[in-house]
Amino acid sequence: MAEVTIYTKAYCPYCVRAIGLLREKQVAYQEVRIDLQPERRDEMIKRAGGRTTVPQVFVNEQHLGGCDDILALDAAGKLDPLLQA
């Protein structure tokens, strides 16, 4: 199973939707709440190539992007293979 990390903040509807998709797919993930761990925000930005918004999703160290990005991957049938890697 893939190693999934998602950077989030509380009260972020996009974060809720992205986590909901991962849960639908029964994928284990590590959530990093940058509102509770602000020192990890710079880590997220560096890993995400300068993106500052949440969520930011990584699978096996590969940056997939935010909520819209993973929803698009799922709609195209490209997310499941990444999650199974």
PDB file of N, CA and C in Angstrom:
ATOM      1  N   MET A   1       0.841  -1.188   0.000  1.00  0.00           N
ATOM      2  CA  MET A   1       0.000   0.000   0.000  1.00  0.00           C
ATOM      3  C   MET A   1       0.882   1.246   0.000  1.00  0.00           C
ATOM      4  N   ALA A   2       0.436   2.255  -0.694  1.00  0.00           N
ATOM      5  CA  ALA A   2       1.178   3.505  -0.825  1.00  0.00           C
ATOM      6  C   ALA A   2       1.220   4.264   0.495  1.00  0.00           C
ATOM      7  N   GLU A   3       2.264   5.065   0.652  1.00  0.00           N
ATOM      8  CA  GLU A   3       2.378   5.958   1.798  1.00  0.00           C
ATOM      9  C   GLU A   3       1.785   7.301   1.392  1.00  0.00           C
ATOM     10  N   VAL A   4       0.711   7.696   2.065  1.00  0.00           N
ATOM     11  CA  VAL A   4      -0.022   8.912   1.707  1.00  0.00           C
ATOM     12  C   VAL A   4       0.101   9.927   2.838  1.00  0.00           C
ATOM     13  N   THR A   5       0.468  11.144   2.475  1.00  0.00           N
ATOM     14  CA  THR A   5       0.533  12.253   3.425  1.00  0.00           C
ATOM     15  C   THR A   5      -0.327  13.375   2.875  1.00  0.00           C
ATOM     16  N   ILE A   6      -1.138  13.962   3.747  1.00  0.00           N
ATOM     17  CA  ILE A   6      -1.974  15.095   3.353  1.00  0.00           C
ATOM     18  C   ILE A   6      -1.801  16.216   4.380  1.00  0.00           C
ATOM     19  N   TYR A   7      -1.466  17.388   3.885  1.00  0.00           N
ATOM     20  CA  TYR A   7      -1.327  18.585   4.722  1.00  0.00           C
ATOM     21  C   TYR A   7      -2.674  19.301   4.724  1.00  0.00           C
ATOM     22  N   THR A   8      -3.172  19.633   5.909  1.00  0.00           N
ATOM     23  CA  THR A   8      -4.504  20.218   6.038  1.00  0.00           C
ATOM     24  C   THR A   8      -4.525  21.344   7.071  1.00  0.00           C
ATOM     25  N   LYS A   9      -5.691  21.989   7.153  1.00  0.00           N
ATOM     26  CA  LYS A   9      -6.036  22.948   8.209  1.00  0.00           C
ATOM     27  C   LYS A   9      -7.471  22.646   8.627  1.00  0.00           C
ATOM     28  N   ALA A  10      -7.806  23.038   9.835  1.00  0.00           N
ATOM     29  CA  ALA A  10      -9.182  22.896  10.310  1.00  0.00           C
ATOM     30  C   ALA A  10     -10.091  23.827   9.513  1.00  0.00           C
ATOM     31  N   TYR A  11     -11.337  23.445   9.393  1.00  0.00           N
ATOM     32  CA  TYR A  11     -12.357  24.263   8.735  1.00  0.00           C
ATOM     33  C   TYR A  11     -12.057  24.547   7.269  1.00  0.00           C
ATOM     34  N   CYS A  12     -11.368  23.634   6.628  1.00  0.00           N
ATOM     35  CA  CYS A  12     -11.052  23.771   5.201  1.00  0.00           C
ATOM     36  C   CYS A  12     -11.930  22.779   4.449  1.00  0.00           C
ATOM     37  N   PRO A  13     -12.916  23.256   3.704  1.00  0.00           N
ATOM     38  CA  PRO A  13     -13.819  22.325   3.015  1.00  0.00           C
ATOM     39  C   PRO A  13     -13.108  21.466   1.964  1.00  0.00           C
ATOM     40  N   TYR A  14     -12.057  21.993   1.361  1.00  0.00           N
ATOM     41  CA  TYR A  14     -11.299  21.213   0.386  1.00  0.00           C
ATOM     42  C   TYR A  14     -10.538  20.080   1.078  1.00  0.00           C
ATOM     43  N   CYS A  15     -10.039  20.358   2.269  1.00  0.00           N
ATOM     44  CA  CYS A  15      -9.355  19.322   3.055  1.00  0.00           C
ATOM     45  C   CYS A  15     -10.337  18.219   3.431  1.00  0.00           C
ATOM     46  N   VAL A  16     -11.519  18.613   3.849  1.00  0.00           N
ATOM     47  CA  VAL A  16     -12.549  17.640   4.226  1.00  0.00           C
ATOM     48  C   VAL A  16     -12.897  16.761   3.028  1.00  0.00           C
ATOM     49  N   ARG A  17     -13.029  17.352   1.863  1.00  0.00           N
ATOM     50  CA  ARG A  17     -13.376  16.584   0.662  1.00  0.00           C
ATOM     51  C   ARG A  17     -12.258  15.637   0.261  1.00  0.00           C
ATOM     52  N   ALA A  18     -11.017  16.105   0.319  1.00  0.00           N
ATOM     53  CA  ALA A  18      -9.872  15.263  -0.040  1.00  0.00           C
ATOM     54  C   ALA A  18      -9.736  14.087   0.926  1.00  0.00           C
ATOM     55  N   ILE A  19      -9.890  14.353   2.209  1.00  0.00           N
ATOM     56  CA  ILE A  19      -9.835  13.275   3.204  1.00  0.00           C
ATOM     57  C   ILE A  19     -11.000  12.316   2.993  1.00  0.00           C
ATOM     58  N   GLY A  20     -12.162  12.851   2.663  1.00  0.00           N
ATOM     59  CA  GLY A  20     -13.319  12.008   2.392  1.00  0.00           C
ATOM     60  C   GLY A  20     -13.053  11.044   1.239  1.00  0.00           C
ATOM     61  N   LEU A  21     -12.383  11.525   0.187  1.00  0.00           N
ATOM     62  CA  LEU A  21     -12.053  10.670  -0.942  1.00  0.00           C
ATOM     63  C   LEU A  21     -11.092   9.559  -0.516  1.00  0.00           C
ATOM     64  N   LEU A  22     -10.083   9.913   0.274  1.00  0.00           N
ATOM     65  CA  LEU A  22      -9.140   8.902   0.747  1.00  0.00           C
ATOM     66  C   LEU A  22      -9.844   7.865   1.621  1.00  0.00           C
ATOM     67  N   ARG A  23     -10.753   8.332   2.455  1.00  0.00           N
ATOM     68  CA  ARG A  23     -11.506   7.394   3.296  1.00  0.00           C
ATOM     69  C   ARG A  23     -12.417   6.498   2.471  1.00  0.00           C
ATOM     70  N   GLU A  24     -13.065   7.065   1.454  1.00  0.00           N
ATOM     71  CA  GLU A  24     -13.899   6.260   0.544  1.00  0.00           C
ATOM     72  C   GLU A  24     -13.093   5.124  -0.067  1.00  0.00           C
ATOM     73  N   LYS A  25     -11.844   5.423  -0.368  1.00  0.00           N
ATOM     74  CA  LYS A  25     -10.974   4.444  -1.003  1.00  0.00           C
ATOM     75  C   LYS A  25     -10.277   3.557   0.027  1.00  0.00           C
ATOM     76  N   GLN A  26     -10.591   3.779   1.301  1.00  0.00           N
ATOM     77  CA  GLN A  26     -10.034   3.008   2.412  1.00  0.00           C
ATOM     78  C   GLN A  26      -8.511   3.020   2.402  1.00  0.00           C
ATOM     79  N   VAL A  27      -7.974   4.211   2.207  1.00  0.00           N
ATOM     80  CA  VAL A  27      -6.531   4.411   2.168  1.00  0.00           C
ATOM     81  C   VAL A  27      -6.064   4.967   3.506  1.00  0.00           C
ATOM     82  N   ALA A  28      -5.030   4.344   4.051  1.00  0.00           N
ATOM     83  CA  ALA A  28      -4.417   4.884   5.265  1.00  0.00           C
ATOM     84  C   ALA A  28      -3.602   6.113   4.865  1.00  0.00           C
ATOM     85  N   TYR A  29      -3.632   7.140   5.683  1.00  0.00           N
ATOM     86  CA  TYR A  29      -2.904   8.363   5.374  1.00  0.00           C
ATOM     87  C   TYR A  29      -2.419   9.013   6.652  1.00  0.00           C
ATOM     88  N   GLN A  30      -1.376   9.806   6.516  1.00  0.00           N
ATOM     89  CA  GLN A  30      -0.878  10.614   7.617  1.00  0.00           C
ATOM     90  C   GLN A  30      -1.346  12.040   7.365  1.00  0.00           C
ATOM     91  N   GLU A  31      -2.059  12.598   8.315  1.00  0.00           N
ATOM     92  CA  GLU A  31      -2.528  13.979   8.197  1.00  0.00           C
ATOM     93  C   GLU A  31      -1.600  14.891   8.979  1.00  0.00           C
ATOM     94  N   VAL A  32      -1.134  15.937   8.331  1.00  0.00           N
ATOM     95  CA  VAL A  32      -0.299  16.941   8.981  1.00  0.00           C
ATOM     96  C   VAL A  32      -1.117  18.222   9.026  1.00  0.00           C
ATOM     97  N   ARG A  33      -1.563  18.582  10.205  1.00  0.00           N
ATOM     98  CA  ARG A  33      -2.375  19.798  10.387  1.00  0.00           C
ATOM     99  C   ARG A  33      -1.431  20.986  10.566  1.00  0.00           C
ATOM    100  N   ILE A  34      -1.284  21.783   9.519  1.00  0.00           N
ATOM    101  CA  ILE A  34      -0.342  22.899   9.618  1.00  0.00           C
ATOM    102  C   ILE A  34      -0.876  24.044  10.471  1.00  0.00           C
ATOM    103  N   ASP A  35      -2.163  24.012  10.804  1.00  0.00           N
ATOM    104  CA  ASP A  35      -2.659  25.016  11.750  1.00  0.00           C
ATOM    105  C   ASP A  35      -2.251  24.640  13.178  1.00  0.00           C
ATOM    106  N   LEU A  36      -2.057  23.348  13.455  1.00  0.00           N
ATOM    107  CA  LEU A  36      -1.616  22.902  14.776  1.00  0.00           C
ATOM    108  C   LEU A  36      -0.101  22.754  14.851  1.00  0.00           C
ATOM    109  N   GLN A  37       0.534  22.573  13.699  1.00  0.00           N
ATOM    110  CA  GLN A  37       1.986  22.448  13.616  1.00  0.00           C
ATOM    111  C   GLN A  37       2.511  23.444  12.581  1.00  0.00           C
ATOM    112  N   PRO A  38       2.434  24.743  12.884  1.00  0.00           N
ATOM    113  CA  PRO A  38       2.817  25.751  11.888  1.00  0.00           C
ATOM    114  C   PRO A  38       4.267  25.633  11.427  1.00  0.00           C
ATOM    115  N   GLU A  39       5.107  25.014  12.222  1.00  0.00           N
ATOM    116  CA  GLU A  39       6.506  24.830  11.826  1.00  0.00           C
ATOM    117  C   GLU A  39       6.637  23.884  10.621  1.00  0.00           C
ATOM    118  N   ARG A  40       5.595  23.122  10.323  1.00  0.00           N
ATOM    119  CA  ARG A  40       5.630  22.189   9.186  1.00  0.00           C
ATOM    120  C   ARG A  40       5.112  22.818   7.893  1.00  0.00           C
ATOM    121  N   ARG A  41       4.639  24.059   7.967  1.00  0.00           N
ATOM    122  CA  ARG A  41       4.134  24.737   6.771  1.00  0.00           C
ATOM    123  C   ARG A  41       5.228  24.916   5.724  1.00  0.00           C
ATOM    124  N   ASP A  42       6.414  25.338   6.152  1.00  0.00           N
ATOM    125  CA  ASP A  42       7.524  25.512   5.212  1.00  0.00           C
ATOM    126  C   ASP A  42       7.898  24.185   4.553  1.00  0.00           C
ATOM    127  N   GLU A  43       7.832  23.113   5.314  1.00  0.00           N
ATOM    128  CA  GLU A  43       8.079  21.773   4.774  1.00  0.00           C
ATOM    129  C   GLU A  43       7.089  21.463   3.649  1.00  0.00           C
ATOM    130  N   MET A  44       5.817  21.758   3.899  1.00  0.00           N
ATOM    131  CA  MET A  44       4.781  21.516   2.897  1.00  0.00           C
ATOM    132  C   MET A  44       5.051  22.329   1.632  1.00  0.00           C
ATOM    133  N   ILE A  45       5.346  23.608   1.801  1.00  0.00           N
ATOM    134  CA  ILE A  45       5.581  24.497   0.659  1.00  0.00           C
ATOM    135  C   ILE A  45       6.764  24.001  -0.168  1.00  0.00           C
ATOM    136  N   LYS A  46       7.818  23.591   0.487  1.00  0.00           N
ATOM    137  CA  LYS A  46       8.994  23.082  -0.223  1.00  0.00           C
ATOM    138  C   LYS A  46       8.654  21.803  -0.980  1.00  0.00           C
ATOM    139  N   ARG A  47       7.970  20.883  -0.318  1.00  0.00           N
ATOM    140  CA  ARG A  47       7.613  19.607  -0.961  1.00  0.00           C
ATOM    141  C   ARG A  47       6.639  19.821  -2.120  1.00  0.00           C
ATOM    142  N   ALA A  48       5.784  20.852  -1.997  1.00  0.00           N
ATOM    143  CA  ALA A  48       4.741  21.103  -2.993  1.00  0.00           C
ATOM    144  C   ALA A  48       5.202  22.061  -4.098  1.00  0.00           C
ATOM    145  N   GLY A  49       6.480  22.311  -4.183  1.00  0.00           N
ATOM    146  CA  GLY A  49       6.994  23.164  -5.253  1.00  0.00           C
ATOM    147  C   GLY A  49       6.528  24.602  -5.171  1.00  0.00           C
ATOM    148  N   GLY A  50       6.309  25.088  -3.958  1.00  0.00           N
ATOM    149  CA  GLY A  50       5.920  26.482  -3.770  1.00  0.00           C
ATOM    150  C   GLY A  50       4.439  26.705  -3.523  1.00  0.00           C
ATOM    151  N   ARG A  51       3.643  25.678  -3.647  1.00  0.00           N
ATOM    152  CA  ARG A  51       2.202  25.837  -3.376  1.00  0.00           C
ATOM    153  C   ARG A  51       1.996  26.090  -1.882  1.00  0.00           C
ATOM    154  N   THR A  52       1.096  27.019  -1.583  1.00  0.00           N
ATOM    155  CA  THR A  52       0.879  27.412  -0.190  1.00  0.00           C
ATOM    156  C   THR A  52      -0.511  27.059   0.331  1.00  0.00           C
ATOM    157  N   THR A  53      -1.385  26.593  -0.544  1.00  0.00           N
ATOM    158  CA  THR A  53      -2.754  26.283  -0.128  1.00  0.00           C
ATOM    159  C   THR A  53      -2.853  24.835   0.359  1.00  0.00           C
ATOM    160  N   VAL A  54      -3.898  24.584   1.133  1.00  0.00           N
ATOM    161  CA  VAL A  54      -4.178  23.221   1.580  1.00  0.00           C
ATOM    162  C   VAL A  54      -5.493  22.776   0.970  1.00  0.00           C
ATOM    163  N   PRO A  55      -5.666  21.490   0.794  1.00  0.00           N
ATOM    164  CA  PRO A  55      -4.721  20.428   1.130  1.00  0.00           C
ATOM    165  C   PRO A  55      -3.634  20.297   0.071  1.00  0.00           C
ATOM    166  N   GLN A  56      -2.554  19.647   0.471  1.00  0.00           N
ATOM    167  CA  GLN A  56      -1.519  19.197  -0.456  1.00  0.00           C
ATOM    168  C   GLN A  56      -1.341  17.710  -0.194  1.00  0.00           C
ATOM    169  N   VAL A  57      -1.433  16.920  -1.249  1.00  0.00           N
ATOM    170  CA  VAL A  57      -1.442  15.465  -1.117  1.00  0.00           C
ATOM    171  C   VAL A  57      -0.204  14.873  -1.778  1.00  0.00           C
ATOM    172  N   PHE A  58       0.422  13.942  -1.066  1.00  0.00           N
ATOM    173  CA  PHE A  58       1.610  13.244  -1.547  1.00  0.00           C
ATOM    174  C   PHE A  58       1.375  11.746  -1.437  1.00  0.00           C
ATOM    175  N   VAL A  59       1.787  11.019  -2.464  1.00  0.00           N
ATOM    176  CA  VAL A  59       1.718   9.562  -2.450  1.00  0.00           C
ATOM    177  C   VAL A  59       3.115   9.049  -2.780  1.00  0.00           C
ATOM    178  N   ASN A  60       3.676   8.310  -1.838  1.00  0.00           N
ATOM    179  CA  ASN A  60       5.045   7.794  -2.013  1.00  0.00           C
ATOM    180  C   ASN A  60       6.004   8.903  -2.440  1.00  0.00           C
ATOM    181  N   GLU A  61       5.936  10.026  -1.747  1.00  0.00           N
ATOM    182  CA  GLU A  61       6.789  11.193  -1.996  1.00  0.00           C
ATOM    183  C   GLU A  61       6.479  11.922  -3.302  1.00  0.00           C
ATOM    184  N   GLN A  62       5.514  11.456  -4.084  1.00  0.00           N
ATOM    185  CA  GLN A  62       5.109  12.148  -5.314  1.00  0.00           C
ATOM    186  C   GLN A  62       4.006  13.136  -4.974  1.00  0.00           C
ATOM    187  N   HIS A  63       4.195  14.380  -5.377  1.00  0.00           N
ATOM    188  CA  HIS A  63       3.200  15.418  -5.118  1.00  0.00           C
ATOM    189  C   HIS A  63       2.061  15.286  -6.125  1.00  0.00           C
ATOM    190  N   LEU A  64       0.847  15.069  -5.620  1.00  0.00           N
ATOM    191  CA  LEU A  64      -0.314  14.967  -6.505  1.00  0.00           C
ATOM    192  C   LEU A  64      -1.041  16.287  -6.639  1.00  0.00           C
ATOM    193  N   GLY A  65      -0.871  17.177  -5.676  1.00  0.00           N
ATOM    194  CA  GLY A  65      -1.541  18.469  -5.713  1.00  0.00           C
ATOM    195  C   GLY A  65      -2.591  18.590  -4.637  1.00  0.00           C
ATOM    196  N   GLY A  66      -3.597  19.401  -4.927  1.00  0.00           N
ATOM    197  CA  GLY A  66      -4.656  19.669  -3.967  1.00  0.00           C
ATOM    198  C   GLY A  66      -5.903  18.858  -4.225  1.00  0.00           C
ATOM    199  N   CYS A  67      -6.990  19.294  -3.646  1.00  0.00           N
ATOM    200  CA  CYS A  67      -8.260  18.581  -3.737  1.00  0.00           C
ATOM    201  C   CYS A  67      -8.729  18.426  -5.183  1.00  0.00           C
ATOM    202  N   ASP A  68      -8.766  19.513  -5.916  1.00  0.00           N
ATOM    203  CA  ASP A  68      -9.221  19.439  -7.312  1.00  0.00           C
ATOM    204  C   ASP A  68      -8.344  18.503  -8.133  1.00  0.00           C
ATOM    205  N   ASP A  69      -7.056  18.500  -7.842  1.00  0.00           N
ATOM    206  CA  ASP A  69      -6.121  17.646  -8.577  1.00  0.00           C
ATOM    207  C   ASP A  69      -6.397  16.168  -8.329  1.00  0.00           C
ATOM    208  N   ILE A  70      -6.612  15.796  -7.067  1.00  0.00           N
ATOM    209  CA  ILE A  70      -6.842  14.368  -6.809  1.00  0.00           C
ATOM    210  C   ILE A  70      -8.237  13.934  -7.267  1.00  0.00           C
ATOM    211  N   LEU A  71      -9.200  14.851  -7.224  1.00  0.00           N
ATOM    212  CA  LEU A  71     -10.520  14.522  -7.758  1.00  0.00           C
ATOM    213  C   LEU A  71     -10.446  14.296  -9.275  1.00  0.00           C
ATOM    214  N   ALA A  72      -9.646  15.112  -9.964  1.00  0.00           N
ATOM    215  CA  ALA A  72      -9.473  14.950 -11.410  1.00  0.00           C
ATOM    216  C   ALA A  72      -8.757  13.637 -11.723  1.00  0.00           C
ATOM    217  N   LEU A  73      -7.738  13.308 -10.944  1.00  0.00           N
ATOM    218  CA  LEU A  73      -7.053  12.030 -11.133  1.00  0.00           C
ATOM    219  C   LEU A  73      -8.012  10.865 -10.933  1.00  0.00           C
ATOM    220  N   ASP A  74      -8.849  10.980  -9.915  1.00  0.00           N
ATOM    221  CA  ASP A  74      -9.817   9.917  -9.644  1.00  0.00           C
ATOM    222  C   ASP A  74     -10.811   9.788 -10.797  1.00  0.00           C
ATOM    223  N   ALA A  75     -11.317  10.905 -11.273  1.00  0.00           N
ATOM    224  CA  ALA A  75     -12.296  10.888 -12.369  1.00  0.00           C
ATOM    225  C   ALA A  75     -11.698  10.289 -13.645  1.00  0.00           C
ATOM    226  N   ALA A  76     -10.383  10.463 -13.827  1.00  0.00           N
ATOM    227  CA  ALA A  76      -9.702   9.929 -15.007  1.00  0.00           C
ATOM    228  C   ALA A  76      -9.241   8.481 -14.808  1.00  0.00           C
ATOM    229  N   GLY A  77      -9.509   7.929 -13.612  1.00  0.00           N
ATOM    230  CA  GLY A  77      -9.097   6.557 -13.331  1.00  0.00           C
ATOM    231  C   GLY A  77      -7.620   6.405 -13.040  1.00  0.00           C
ATOM    232  N   LYS A  78      -6.948   7.507 -12.720  1.00  0.00           N
ATOM    233  CA  LYS A  78      -5.504   7.478 -12.506  1.00  0.00           C
ATOM    234  C   LYS A  78      -5.094   7.489 -11.036  1.00  0.00           C
ATOM    235  N   LEU A  79      -6.040   7.720 -10.124  1.00  0.00           N
ATOM    236  CA  LEU A  79      -5.689   7.793  -8.712  1.00  0.00           C
ATOM    237  C   LEU A  79      -5.495   6.413  -8.101  1.00  0.00           C
ATOM    238  N   ASP A  80      -6.378   5.487  -8.375  1.00  0.00           N
ATOM    239  CA  ASP A  80      -6.293   4.154  -7.760  1.00  0.00           C
ATOM    240  C   ASP A  80      -4.937   3.475  -8.010  1.00  0.00           C
ATOM    241  N   PRO A  81      -4.412   3.492  -9.241  1.00  0.00           N
ATOM    242  CA  PRO A  81      -3.105   2.859  -9.450  1.00  0.00           C
ATOM    243  C   PRO A  81      -1.995   3.481  -8.598  1.00  0.00           C
ATOM    244  N   LEU A  82      -2.067   4.802  -8.395  1.00  0.00           N
ATOM    245  CA  LEU A  82      -1.065   5.468  -7.554  1.00  0.00           C
ATOM    246  C   LEU A  82      -1.191   5.041  -6.106  1.00  0.00           C
ATOM    247  N   LEU A  83      -2.416   4.864  -5.649  1.00  0.00           N
ATOM    248  CA  LEU A  83      -2.650   4.483  -4.255  1.00  0.00           C
ATOM    249  C   LEU A  83      -2.295   3.018  -3.983  1.00  0.00           C
ATOM    250  N   GLN A  84      -2.254   2.212  -5.029  1.00  0.00           N
ATOM    251  CA  GLN A  84      -1.928   0.791  -4.866  1.00  0.00           C
ATOM    252  C   GLN A  84      -0.435   0.530  -4.964  1.00  0.00           C
ATOM    253  N   ALA A  85       0.319   1.523  -5.414  1.00  0.00           N
ATOM    254  CA  ALA A  85       1.764   1.330  -5.642  1.00  0.00           C
ATOM    255  C   ALA A  85       2.517   1.077  -4.354  1.00  0.00           C
TER     256      ALA A  85
END
